[in-house]
Amino acid sequence: FIALMYHGRDTGAYELPEDELAHFIAARTQMMRLGDSTPININLADGQ
């Protein structure tokens, strides 16, 4: 999973400032490991 997150970071998929990407990836990874089912919205760079 972490490789998928880094791929999104490296390809500029996320609509986030570069200095926030590390925290974003860490938070999403922690949610996944805990099985947290709380839905969150992810803004992509292409507007989706």
ModelCIF file with pLDDT and N, C-alpha, C, O atoms, coordinates in Angstrom:
data_MODEL
#
_entry.id   MODEL 
#
_entity.id                         1 
_entity.type                       polymer 
_entity.pdbx_number_of_molecules   1 
#
_entity_poly.entity_id                      1 
_entity_poly.type                           'polypeptide(L)' 
_entity_poly.nstd_linkage                   no 
_entity_poly.nstd_monomer                   no 
_entity_poly.pdbx_seq_one_letter_code       FIALMYHGRDTGAYELPEDELAHFIAARTQMMRLGDSTPININLADGQ 
_entity_poly.pdbx_seq_one_letter_code_can   FIALMYHGRDTGAYELPEDELAHFIAARTQMMRLGDSTPININLADGQ 
_entity_poly.pdbx_strand_id                 A 
#
loop_
_entity_poly_seq.entity_id 
_entity_poly_seq.num 
_entity_poly_seq.mon_id 
_entity_poly_seq.hetero 
1 1  PHE n 
1 2  ILE n 
1 3  ALA n 
1 4  LEU n 
1 5  MET n 
1 6  TYR n 
1 7  HIS n 
1 8  GLY n 
1 9  ARG n 
1 10 ASP n 
1 11 THR n 
1 12 GLY n 
1 13 ALA n 
1 14 TYR n 
1 15 GLU n 
1 16 LEU n 
1 17 PRO n 
1 18 GLU n 
1 19 ASP n 
1 20 GLU n 
1 21 LEU n 
1 22 ALA n 
1 23 HIS n 
1 24 PHE n 
1 25 ILE n 
1 26 ALA n 
1 27 ALA n 
1 28 ARG n 
1 29 THR n 
1 30 GLN n 
1 31 MET n 
1 32 MET n 
1 33 ARG n 
1 34 LEU n 
1 35 GLY n 
1 36 ASP n 
1 37 SER n 
1 38 THR n 
1 39 PRO n 
1 40 ILE n 
1 41 ASN n 
1 42 ILE n 
1 43 ASN n 
1 44 LEU n 
1 45 ALA n 
1 46 ASP n 
1 47 GLY n 
1 48 GLN n 
#
_struct_asym.id          A 
_struct_asym.entity_id   1 
#
loop_
_ma_qa_metric.id 
_ma_qa_metric.mode 
_ma_qa_metric.name 
_ma_qa_metric.software_group_id 
_ma_qa_metric.type 
1 global pLDDT . pLDDT 
2 local  pLDDT . pLDDT 
#
_ma_qa_metric_global.metric_id      1 
_ma_qa_metric_global.metric_value   88.69 
_ma_qa_metric_global.model_id       1 
_ma_qa_metric_global.ordinal_id     1 
#
loop_
_ma_qa_metric_local.label_asym_id 
_ma_qa_metric_local.label_comp_id 
_ma_qa_metric_local.label_seq_id 
_ma_qa_metric_local.metric_id 
_ma_qa_metric_local.metric_value 
_ma_qa_metric_local.model_id 
_ma_qa_metric_local.ordinal_id 
A PHE 1  2 94.00 1 1  
A ILE 2  2 93.00 1 2  
A ALA 3  2 93.00 1 3  
A LEU 4  2 93.00 1 4  
A MET 5  2 93.00 1 5  
A TYR 6  2 93.00 1 6  
A HIS 7  2 93.00 1 7  
A GLY 8  2 91.00 1 8  
A ARG 9  2 91.00 1 9  
A ASP 10 2 90.00 1 10 
A THR 11 2 90.00 1 11 
A GLY 12 2 89.00 1 12 
A ALA 13 2 90.00 1 13 
A TYR 14 2 89.00 1 14 
A GLU 15 2 85.00 1 15 
A LEU 16 2 83.00 1 16 
A PRO 17 2 83.00 1 17 
A GLU 18 2 83.00 1 18 
A ASP 19 2 83.00 1 19 
A GLU 20 2 86.00 1 20 
A LEU 21 2 87.00 1 21 
A ALA 22 2 89.00 1 22 
A HIS 23 2 89.00 1 23 
A PHE 24 2 89.00 1 24 
A ILE 25 2 90.00 1 25 
A ALA 26 2 91.00 1 26 
A ALA 27 2 89.00 1 27 
A ARG 28 2 89.00 1 28 
A THR 29 2 90.00 1 29 
A GLN 30 2 90.00 1 30 
A MET 31 2 88.00 1 31 
A MET 32 2 90.00 1 32 
A ARG 33 2 90.00 1 33 
A LEU 34 2 89.00 1 34 
A GLY 35 2 87.00 1 35 
A ASP 36 2 86.00 1 36 
A SER 37 2 87.00 1 37 
A THR 38 2 87.00 1 38 
A PRO 39 2 89.00 1 39 
A ILE 40 2 88.00 1 40 
A ASN 41 2 89.00 1 41 
A ILE 42 2 89.00 1 42 
A ASN 43 2 88.00 1 43 
A LEU 44 2 90.00 1 44 
A ALA 45 2 87.00 1 45 
A ASP 46 2 85.00 1 46 
A GLY 47 2 83.00 1 47 
A GLN 48 2 87.00 1 48 
#
loop_
_atom_site.group_PDB 
_atom_site.id 
_atom_site.type_symbol 
_atom_site.label_atom_id 
_atom_site.label_alt_id 
_atom_site.label_comp_id 
_atom_site.label_asym_id 
_atom_site.label_entity_id 
_atom_site.label_seq_id 
_atom_site.pdbx_PDB_ins_code 
_atom_site.Cartn_x 
_atom_site.Cartn_y 
_atom_site.Cartn_z 
_atom_site.occupancy 
_atom_site.B_iso_or_equiv 
_atom_site.pdbx_formal_charge 
_atom_site.auth_seq_id 
_atom_site.auth_comp_id 
_atom_site.auth_asym_id 
_atom_site.auth_atom_id 
_atom_site.pdbx_PDB_model_num 
ATOM 1   N N  . PHE A 1 1  ? 0.826   -1.213 0.000   1.00 94.00 ? 1  PHE A N  1 
ATOM 2   C CA . PHE A 1 1  ? 0.000   0.000  0.000   1.00 94.00 ? 1  PHE A CA 1 
ATOM 3   C C  . PHE A 1 1  ? 0.859   1.262  0.000   1.00 94.00 ? 1  PHE A C  1 
ATOM 4   O O  . PHE A 1 1  ? 0.548   2.230  -0.693  1.00 94.00 ? 1  PHE A O  1 
ATOM 5   N N  . ILE A 1 2  ? 1.928   1.246  0.772   1.00 93.00 ? 2  ILE A N  1 
ATOM 6   C CA . ILE A 1 2  ? 2.771   2.436  0.848   1.00 93.00 ? 2  ILE A CA 1 
ATOM 7   C C  . ILE A 1 2  ? 3.368   2.774  -0.511  1.00 93.00 ? 2  ILE A C  1 
ATOM 8   O O  . ILE A 1 2  ? 3.579   3.947  -0.818  1.00 93.00 ? 2  ILE A O  1 
ATOM 9   N N  . ALA A 1 3  ? 3.646   1.749  -1.336  1.00 93.00 ? 3  ALA A N  1 
ATOM 10  C CA . ALA A 1 3  ? 4.186   1.987  -2.676  1.00 93.00 ? 3  ALA A CA 1 
ATOM 11  C C  . ALA A 1 3  ? 3.144   2.680  -3.557  1.00 93.00 ? 3  ALA A C  1 
ATOM 12  O O  . ALA A 1 3  ? 3.492   3.514  -4.393  1.00 93.00 ? 3  ALA A O  1 
ATOM 13  N N  . LEU A 1 4  ? 1.877   2.338  -3.369  1.00 93.00 ? 4  LEU A N  1 
ATOM 14  C CA . LEU A 1 4  ? 0.814   3.012  -4.128  1.00 93.00 ? 4  LEU A CA 1 
ATOM 15  C C  . LEU A 1 4  ? 0.715   4.474  -3.721  1.00 93.00 ? 4  LEU A C  1 
ATOM 16  O O  . LEU A 1 4  ? 0.506   5.343  -4.567  1.00 93.00 ? 4  LEU A O  1 
ATOM 17  N N  . MET A 1 5  ? 0.866   4.748  -2.431  1.00 93.00 ? 5  MET A N  1 
ATOM 18  C CA . MET A 1 5  ? 0.828   6.134  -1.964  1.00 93.00 ? 5  MET A CA 1 
ATOM 19  C C  . MET A 1 5  ? 2.008   6.934  -2.530  1.00 93.00 ? 5  MET A C  1 
ATOM 20  O O  . MET A 1 5  ? 1.835   8.068  -2.976  1.00 93.00 ? 5  MET A O  1 
ATOM 21  N N  . TYR A 1 6  ? 3.190   6.346  -2.511  1.00 93.00 ? 6  TYR A N  1 
ATOM 22  C CA . TYR A 1 6  ? 4.362   7.040  -3.041  1.00 93.00 ? 6  TYR A CA 1 
ATOM 23  C C  . TYR A 1 6  ? 4.253   7.244  -4.549  1.00 93.00 ? 6  TYR A C  1 
ATOM 24  O O  . TYR A 1 6  ? 4.727   8.248  -5.080  1.00 93.00 ? 6  TYR A O  1 
ATOM 25  N N  . HIS A 1 7  ? 3.629   6.294  -5.233  1.00 93.00 ? 7  HIS A N  1 
ATOM 26  C CA . HIS A 1 7  ? 3.418   6.467  -6.678  1.00 93.00 ? 7  HIS A CA 1 
ATOM 27  C C  . HIS A 1 7  ? 2.528   7.678  -6.932  1.00 93.00 ? 7  HIS A C  1 
ATOM 28  O O  . HIS A 1 7  ? 2.808   8.475  -7.827  1.00 93.00 ? 7  HIS A O  1 
ATOM 29  N N  . GLY A 1 8  ? 1.459   7.823  -6.153  1.00 91.00 ? 8  GLY A N  1 
ATOM 30  C CA . GLY A 1 8  ? 0.600   8.991  -6.303  1.00 91.00 ? 8  GLY A CA 1 
ATOM 31  C C  . GLY A 1 8  ? 1.333   10.286 -6.010  1.00 91.00 ? 8  GLY A C  1 
ATOM 32  O O  . GLY A 1 8  ? 1.105   11.305 -6.662  1.00 91.00 ? 8  GLY A O  1 
ATOM 33  N N  . ARG A 1 9  ? 2.220   10.235 -5.019  1.00 91.00 ? 9  ARG A N  1 
ATOM 34  C CA . ARG A 1 9  ? 3.015   11.430 -4.712  1.00 91.00 ? 9  ARG A CA 1 
ATOM 35  C C  . ARG A 1 9  ? 3.985   11.761 -5.840  1.00 91.00 ? 9  ARG A C  1 
ATOM 36  O O  . ARG A 1 9  ? 4.098   12.916 -6.249  1.00 91.00 ? 9  ARG A O  1 
ATOM 37  N N  . ASP A 1 10 ? 4.680   10.752 -6.339  1.00 90.00 ? 10 ASP A N  1 
ATOM 38  C CA . ASP A 1 10 ? 5.694   10.986 -7.361  1.00 90.00 ? 10 ASP A CA 1 
ATOM 39  C C  . ASP A 1 10 ? 5.099   11.445 -8.693  1.00 90.00 ? 10 ASP A C  1 
ATOM 40  O O  . ASP A 1 10 ? 5.749   12.166 -9.450  1.00 90.00 ? 10 ASP A O  1 
ATOM 41  N N  . THR A 1 11 ? 3.871   11.029 -8.976  1.00 90.00 ? 11 THR A N  1 
ATOM 42  C CA . THR A 1 11 ? 3.231   11.432 -10.232 1.00 90.00 ? 11 THR A CA 1 
ATOM 43  C C  . THR A 1 11 ? 2.417   12.705 -10.091 1.00 90.00 ? 11 THR A C  1 
ATOM 44  O O  . THR A 1 11 ? 1.787   13.150 -11.051 1.00 90.00 ? 11 THR A O  1 
ATOM 45  N N  . GLY A 1 12 ? 2.423   13.306 -8.880  1.00 89.00 ? 12 GLY A N  1 
ATOM 46  C CA . GLY A 1 12 ? 1.681   14.549 -8.668  1.00 89.00 ? 12 GLY A CA 1 
ATOM 47  C C  . GLY A 1 12 ? 0.177   14.358 -8.730  1.00 89.00 ? 12 GLY A C  1 
ATOM 48  O O  . GLY A 1 12 ? -0.545  15.237 -9.200  1.00 89.00 ? 12 GLY A O  1 
ATOM 49  N N  . ALA A 1 13 ? -0.302  13.204 -8.254  1.00 90.00 ? 13 ALA A N  1 
ATOM 50  C CA . ALA A 1 13 ? -1.731  12.910 -8.362  1.00 90.00 ? 13 ALA A CA 1 
ATOM 51  C C  . ALA A 1 13 ? -2.562  13.696 -7.355  1.00 90.00 ? 13 ALA A C  1 
ATOM 52  O O  . ALA A 1 13 ? -3.731  13.980 -7.619  1.00 90.00 ? 13 ALA A O  1 
ATOM 53  N N  . TYR A 1 14 ? -1.990  14.052 -6.211  1.00 89.00 ? 14 TYR A N  1 
ATOM 54  C CA . TYR A 1 14 ? -2.763  14.680 -5.143  1.00 89.00 ? 14 TYR A CA 1 
ATOM 55  C C  . TYR A 1 14 ? -2.745  16.197 -5.260  1.00 89.00 ? 14 TYR A C  1 
ATOM 56  O O  . TYR A 1 14 ? -1.733  16.795 -5.627  1.00 89.00 ? 14 TYR A O  1 
ATOM 57  N N  . GLU A 1 15 ? -3.871  16.800 -4.945  1.00 85.00 ? 15 GLU A N  1 
ATOM 58  C CA . GLU A 1 15 ? -3.976  18.263 -4.941  1.00 85.00 ? 15 GLU A CA 1 
ATOM 59  C C  . GLU A 1 15 ? -3.581  18.763 -3.559  1.00 85.00 ? 15 GLU A C  1 
ATOM 60  O O  . GLU A 1 15 ? -4.417  19.232 -2.786  1.00 85.00 ? 15 GLU A O  1 
ATOM 61  N N  . LEU A 1 16 ? -2.290  18.652 -3.265  1.00 83.00 ? 16 LEU A N  1 
ATOM 62  C CA . LEU A 1 16 ? -1.762  19.033 -1.967  1.00 83.00 ? 16 LEU A CA 1 
ATOM 63  C C  . LEU A 1 16 ? -0.414  19.721 -2.136  1.00 83.00 ? 16 LEU A C  1 
ATOM 64  O O  . LEU A 1 16 ? 0.341   19.380 -3.046  1.00 83.00 ? 16 LEU A O  1 
ATOM 65  N N  . PRO A 1 17 ? -0.098  20.687 -1.272  1.00 83.00 ? 17 PRO A N  1 
ATOM 66  C CA . PRO A 1 17 ? 1.251   21.261 -1.291  1.00 83.00 ? 17 PRO A CA 1 
ATOM 67  C C  . PRO A 1 17 ? 2.280   20.183 -0.974  1.00 83.00 ? 17 PRO A C  1 
ATOM 68  O O  . PRO A 1 17 ? 1.993   19.234 -0.245  1.00 83.00 ? 17 PRO A O  1 
ATOM 69  N N  . GLU A 1 18 ? 3.442   20.331 -1.510  1.00 83.00 ? 18 GLU A N  1 
ATOM 70  C CA . GLU A 1 18 ? 4.474   19.306 -1.347  1.00 83.00 ? 18 GLU A CA 1 
ATOM 71  C C  . GLU A 1 18 ? 4.829   19.065 0.109   1.00 83.00 ? 18 GLU A C  1 
ATOM 72  O O  . GLU A 1 18 ? 5.139   17.938 0.493   1.00 83.00 ? 18 GLU A O  1 
ATOM 73  N N  . ASP A 1 19 ? 4.787   20.137 0.944   1.00 83.00 ? 19 ASP A N  1 
ATOM 74  C CA . ASP A 1 19 ? 5.173   19.968 2.341   1.00 83.00 ? 19 ASP A CA 1 
ATOM 75  C C  . ASP A 1 19 ? 4.102   19.246 3.165   1.00 83.00 ? 19 ASP A C  1 
ATOM 76  O O  . ASP A 1 19 ? 4.359   18.891 4.316   1.00 83.00 ? 19 ASP A O  1 
ATOM 77  N N  . GLU A 1 20 ? 2.922   19.023 2.612   1.00 86.00 ? 20 GLU A N  1 
ATOM 78  C CA . GLU A 1 20 ? 1.867   18.314 3.329   1.00 86.00 ? 20 GLU A CA 1 
ATOM 79  C C  . GLU A 1 20 ? 1.742   16.851 2.905   1.00 86.00 ? 20 GLU A C  1 
ATOM 80  O O  . GLU A 1 20 ? 0.997   16.086 3.518   1.00 86.00 ? 20 GLU A O  1 
ATOM 81  N N  . LEU A 1 21 ? 2.462   16.469 1.868   1.00 87.00 ? 21 LEU A N  1 
ATOM 82  C CA . LEU A 1 21 ? 2.297   15.113 1.328   1.00 87.00 ? 21 LEU A CA 1 
ATOM 83  C C  . LEU A 1 21 ? 2.754   14.040 2.311   1.00 87.00 ? 21 LEU A C  1 
ATOM 84  O O  . LEU A 1 21 ? 2.108   13.000 2.444   1.00 87.00 ? 21 LEU A O  1 
ATOM 85  N N  . ALA A 1 22 ? 3.875   14.292 3.003   1.00 89.00 ? 22 ALA A N  1 
ATOM 86  C CA . ALA A 1 22 ? 4.391   13.285 3.934   1.00 89.00 ? 22 ALA A CA 1 
ATOM 87  C C  . ALA A 1 22 ? 3.375   12.998 5.042   1.00 89.00 ? 22 ALA A C  1 
ATOM 88  O O  . ALA A 1 22 ? 3.130   11.840 5.383   1.00 89.00 ? 22 ALA A O  1 
ATOM 89  N N  . HIS A 1 23 ? 2.784   14.064 5.604   1.00 89.00 ? 23 HIS A N  1 
ATOM 90  C CA . HIS A 1 23 ? 1.780   13.875 6.645   1.00 89.00 ? 23 HIS A CA 1 
ATOM 91  C C  . HIS A 1 23 ? 0.547   13.176 6.092   1.00 89.00 ? 23 HIS A C  1 
ATOM 92  O O  . HIS A 1 23 ? -0.033  12.322 6.763   1.00 89.00 ? 23 HIS A O  1 
ATOM 93  N N  . PHE A 1 24 ? 0.143   13.527 4.885   1.00 89.00 ? 24 PHE A N  1 
ATOM 94  C CA . PHE A 1 24 ? -1.023  12.921 4.256   1.00 89.00 ? 24 PHE A CA 1 
ATOM 95  C C  . PHE A 1 24 ? -0.806  11.413 4.071   1.00 89.00 ? 24 PHE A C  1 
ATOM 96  O O  . PHE A 1 24 ? -1.690  10.617 4.388   1.00 89.00 ? 24 PHE A O  1 
ATOM 97  N N  . ILE A 1 25 ? 0.358   11.024 3.565   1.00 90.00 ? 25 ILE A N  1 
ATOM 98  C CA . ILE A 1 25 ? 0.648   9.605  3.336   1.00 90.00 ? 25 ILE A CA 1 
ATOM 99  C C  . ILE A 1 25 ? 0.698   8.842  4.655   1.00 90.00 ? 25 ILE A C  1 
ATOM 100 O O  . ILE A 1 25 ? 0.182   7.729  4.754   1.00 90.00 ? 25 ILE A O  1 
ATOM 101 N N  . ALA A 1 26 ? 1.327   9.450  5.676   1.00 91.00 ? 26 ALA A N  1 
ATOM 102 C CA . ALA A 1 26 ? 1.417   8.794  6.981   1.00 91.00 ? 26 ALA A CA 1 
ATOM 103 C C  . ALA A 1 26 ? 0.028   8.601  7.595   1.00 91.00 ? 26 ALA A C  1 
ATOM 104 O O  . ALA A 1 26 ? -0.257  7.554  8.176   1.00 91.00 ? 26 ALA A O  1 
ATOM 105 N N  . ALA A 1 27 ? -0.831  9.610  7.466   1.00 89.00 ? 27 ALA A N  1 
ATOM 106 C CA . ALA A 1 27 ? -2.175  9.516  8.036   1.00 89.00 ? 27 ALA A CA 1 
ATOM 107 C C  . ALA A 1 27 ? -3.009  8.461  7.326   1.00 89.00 ? 27 ALA A C  1 
ATOM 108 O O  . ALA A 1 27 ? -3.730  7.695  7.966   1.00 89.00 ? 27 ALA A O  1 
ATOM 109 N N  . ARG A 1 28 ? -2.907  8.423  5.994   1.00 89.00 ? 28 ARG A N  1 
ATOM 110 C CA . ARG A 1 28 ? -3.692  7.429  5.246   1.00 89.00 ? 28 ARG A CA 1 
ATOM 111 C C  . ARG A 1 28 ? -3.202  6.014  5.557   1.00 89.00 ? 28 ARG A C  1 
ATOM 112 O O  . ARG A 1 28 ? -4.005  5.087  5.669   1.00 89.00 ? 28 ARG A O  1 
ATOM 113 N N  . THR A 1 29 ? -1.890  5.852  5.695   1.00 90.00 ? 29 THR A N  1 
ATOM 114 C CA . THR A 1 29 ? -1.338  4.531  6.013   1.00 90.00 ? 29 THR A CA 1 
ATOM 115 C C  . THR A 1 29 ? -1.776  4.080  7.393   1.00 90.00 ? 29 THR A C  1 
ATOM 116 O O  . THR A 1 29 ? -2.104  2.910  7.590   1.00 90.00 ? 29 THR A O  1 
ATOM 117 N N  . GLN A 1 30 ? -1.785  5.005  8.356   1.00 90.00 ? 30 GLN A N  1 
ATOM 118 C CA . GLN A 1 30 ? -2.221  4.658  9.708   1.00 90.00 ? 30 GLN A CA 1 
ATOM 119 C C  . GLN A 1 30 ? -3.700  4.262  9.728   1.00 90.00 ? 30 GLN A C  1 
ATOM 120 O O  . GLN A 1 30 ? -4.081  3.311  10.411  1.00 90.00 ? 30 GLN A O  1 
ATOM 121 N N  . MET A 1 31 ? -4.526  4.990  8.983   1.00 88.00 ? 31 MET A N  1 
ATOM 122 C CA . MET A 1 31 ? -5.947  4.644  8.899   1.00 88.00 ? 31 MET A CA 1 
ATOM 123 C C  . MET A 1 31 ? -6.135  3.246  8.325   1.00 88.00 ? 31 MET A C  1 
ATOM 124 O O  . MET A 1 31 ? -6.954  2.465  8.808   1.00 88.00 ? 31 MET A O  1 
ATOM 125 N N  . MET A 1 32 ? -5.364  2.948  7.291   1.00 90.00 ? 32 MET A N  1 
ATOM 126 C CA . MET A 1 32 ? -5.478  1.640  6.656   1.00 90.00 ? 32 MET A CA 1 
ATOM 127 C C  . MET A 1 32 ? -5.073  0.534  7.617   1.00 90.00 ? 32 MET A C  1 
ATOM 128 O O  . MET A 1 32 ? -5.764  -0.481 7.709   1.00 90.00 ? 32 MET A O  1 
ATOM 129 N N  . ARG A 1 33 ? -3.975  0.705  8.332   1.00 90.00 ? 33 ARG A N  1 
ATOM 130 C CA . ARG A 1 33 ? -3.495  -0.329 9.239   1.00 90.00 ? 33 ARG A CA 1 
ATOM 131 C C  . ARG A 1 33 ? -4.470  -0.559 10.389  1.00 90.00 ? 33 ARG A C  1 
ATOM 132 O O  . ARG A 1 33 ? -4.621  -1.691 10.850  1.00 90.00 ? 33 ARG A O  1 
ATOM 133 N N  . LEU A 1 34 ? -5.129  0.491  10.855  1.00 89.00 ? 34 LEU A N  1 
ATOM 134 C CA . LEU A 1 34 ? -6.097  0.371  11.940  1.00 89.00 ? 34 LEU A CA 1 
ATOM 135 C C  . LEU A 1 34 ? -7.442  -0.143 11.450  1.00 89.00 ? 34 LEU A C  1 
ATOM 136 O O  . LEU A 1 34 ? -8.289  -0.533 12.254  1.00 89.00 ? 34 LEU A O  1 
ATOM 137 N N  . GLY A 1 35 ? -7.642  -0.145 10.145  1.00 87.00 ? 35 GLY A N  1 
ATOM 138 C CA . GLY A 1 35 ? -8.945  -0.534 9.616   1.00 87.00 ? 35 GLY A CA 1 
ATOM 139 C C  . GLY A 1 35 ? -10.002 0.518  9.870   1.00 87.00 ? 35 GLY A C  1 
ATOM 140 O O  . GLY A 1 35 ? -11.188 0.202  9.963   1.00 87.00 ? 35 GLY A O  1 
ATOM 141 N N  . ASP A 1 36 ? -9.579  1.769  9.983   1.00 86.00 ? 36 ASP A N  1 
ATOM 142 C CA . ASP A 1 36 ? -10.500 2.881  10.238  1.00 86.00 ? 36 ASP A CA 1 
ATOM 143 C C  . ASP A 1 36 ? -11.402 3.070  9.018   1.00 86.00 ? 36 ASP A C  1 
ATOM 144 O O  . ASP A 1 36 ? -10.921 3.348  7.919   1.00 86.00 ? 36 ASP A O  1 
ATOM 145 N N  . SER A 1 37 ? -12.701 2.918  9.217   1.00 87.00 ? 37 SER A N  1 
ATOM 146 C CA . SER A 1 37 ? -13.652 3.011  8.104   1.00 87.00 ? 37 SER A CA 1 
ATOM 147 C C  . SER A 1 37 ? -14.208 4.410  7.896   1.00 87.00 ? 37 SER A C  1 
ATOM 148 O O  . SER A 1 37 ? -15.124 4.604  7.097   1.00 87.00 ? 37 SER A O  1 
ATOM 149 N N  . THR A 1 38 ? -13.662 5.383  8.609   1.00 87.00 ? 38 THR A N  1 
ATOM 150 C CA . THR A 1 38 ? -14.138 6.754  8.434   1.00 87.00 ? 38 THR A CA 1 
ATOM 151 C C  . THR A 1 38 ? -13.829 7.236  7.025   1.00 87.00 ? 38 THR A C  1 
ATOM 152 O O  . THR A 1 38 ? -12.660 7.260  6.640   1.00 87.00 ? 38 THR A O  1 
ATOM 153 N N  . PRO A 1 39 ? -14.837 7.621  6.236   1.00 89.00 ? 39 PRO A N  1 
ATOM 154 C CA . PRO A 1 39 ? -14.559 8.067  4.863   1.00 89.00 ? 39 PRO A CA 1 
ATOM 155 C C  . PRO A 1 39 ? -13.926 9.458  4.847   1.00 89.00 ? 39 PRO A C  1 
ATOM 156 O O  . PRO A 1 39 ? -14.285 10.332 5.635   1.00 89.00 ? 39 PRO A O  1 
ATOM 157 N N  . ILE A 1 40 ? -12.996 9.634  3.950   1.00 88.00 ? 40 ILE A N  1 
ATOM 158 C CA . ILE A 1 40 ? -12.382 10.956 3.762   1.00 88.00 ? 40 ILE A CA 1 
ATOM 159 C C  . ILE A 1 40 ? -12.367 11.267 2.274   1.00 88.00 ? 40 ILE A C  1 
ATOM 160 O O  . ILE A 1 40 ? -12.383 10.360 1.442   1.00 88.00 ? 40 ILE A O  1 
ATOM 161 N N  . ASN A 1 41 ? -12.336 12.534 1.946   1.00 89.00 ? 41 ASN A N  1 
ATOM 162 C CA . ASN A 1 41 ? -12.258 12.964 0.554   1.00 89.00 ? 41 ASN A CA 1 
ATOM 163 C C  . ASN A 1 41 ? -10.817 13.241 0.167   1.00 89.00 ? 41 ASN A C  1 
ATOM 164 O O  . ASN A 1 41 ? -10.071 13.889 0.901   1.00 89.00 ? 41 ASN A O  1 
ATOM 165 N N  . ILE A 1 42 ? -10.442 12.740 -0.993  1.00 89.00 ? 42 ILE A N  1 
ATOM 166 C CA . ILE A 1 42 ? -9.097  12.969 -1.526  1.00 89.00 ? 42 ILE A CA 1 
ATOM 167 C C  . ILE A 1 42 ? -9.232  13.799 -2.794  1.00 89.00 ? 42 ILE A C  1 
ATOM 168 O O  . ILE A 1 42 ? -9.862  13.373 -3.762  1.00 89.00 ? 42 ILE A O  1 
ATOM 169 N N  . ASN A 1 43 ? -8.641  14.979 -2.781  1.00 88.00 ? 43 ASN A N  1 
ATOM 170 C CA . ASN A 1 43 ? -8.662  15.847 -3.958  1.00 88.00 ? 43 ASN A CA 1 
ATOM 171 C C  . ASN A 1 43 ? -7.481  15.510 -4.859  1.00 88.00 ? 43 ASN A C  1 
ATOM 172 O O  . ASN A 1 43 ? -6.333  15.508 -4.415  1.00 88.00 ? 43 ASN A O  1 
ATOM 173 N N  . LEU A 1 44 ? -7.765  15.230 -6.110  1.00 90.00 ? 44 LEU A N  1 
ATOM 174 C CA . LEU A 1 44 ? -6.714  14.951 -7.075  1.00 90.00 ? 44 LEU A CA 1 
ATOM 175 C C  . LEU A 1 44 ? -6.336  16.208 -7.832  1.00 90.00 ? 44 LEU A C  1 
ATOM 176 O O  . LEU A 1 44 ? -7.114  17.156 -7.932  1.00 90.00 ? 44 LEU A O  1 
ATOM 177 N N  . ALA A 1 45 ? -5.132  16.193 -8.360  1.00 87.00 ? 45 ALA A N  1 
ATOM 178 C CA . ALA A 1 45 ? -4.618  17.380 -9.048  1.00 87.00 ? 45 ALA A CA 1 
ATOM 179 C C  . ALA A 1 45 ? -5.409  17.710 -10.303 1.00 87.00 ? 45 ALA A C  1 
ATOM 180 O O  . ALA A 1 45 ? -5.421  18.865 -10.730 1.00 87.00 ? 45 ALA A O  1 
ATOM 181 N N  . ASP A 1 46 ? -6.069  16.729 -10.904 1.00 85.00 ? 46 ASP A N  1 
ATOM 182 C CA . ASP A 1 46 ? -6.830  17.000 -12.123 1.00 85.00 ? 46 ASP A CA 1 
ATOM 183 C C  . ASP A 1 46 ? -8.244  17.490 -11.840 1.00 85.00 ? 46 ASP A C  1 
ATOM 184 O O  . ASP A 1 46 ? -9.048  17.626 -12.763 1.00 85.00 ? 46 ASP A O  1 
ATOM 185 N N  . GLY A 1 47 ? -8.557  17.757 -10.569 1.00 83.00 ? 47 GLY A N  1 
ATOM 186 C CA . GLY A 1 47 ? -9.863  18.294 -10.225 1.00 83.00 ? 47 GLY A CA 1 
ATOM 187 C C  . GLY A 1 47 ? -10.853 17.279 -9.710  1.00 83.00 ? 47 GLY A C  1 
ATOM 188 O O  . GLY A 1 47 ? -11.895 17.664 -9.180  1.00 83.00 ? 47 GLY A O  1 
ATOM 189 N N  . GLN A 1 48 ? -10.575 16.019 -9.840  1.00 87.00 ? 48 GLN A N  1 
ATOM 190 C CA . GLN A 1 48 ? -11.493 15.004 -9.351  1.00 87.00 ? 48 GLN A CA 1 
ATOM 191 C C  . GLN A 1 48 ? -11.392 14.883 -7.834  1.00 87.00 ? 48 GLN A C  1 
ATOM 192 O O  . GLN A 1 48 ? -12.096 14.072 -7.231  1.00 87.00 ? 48 GLN A O  1 
#
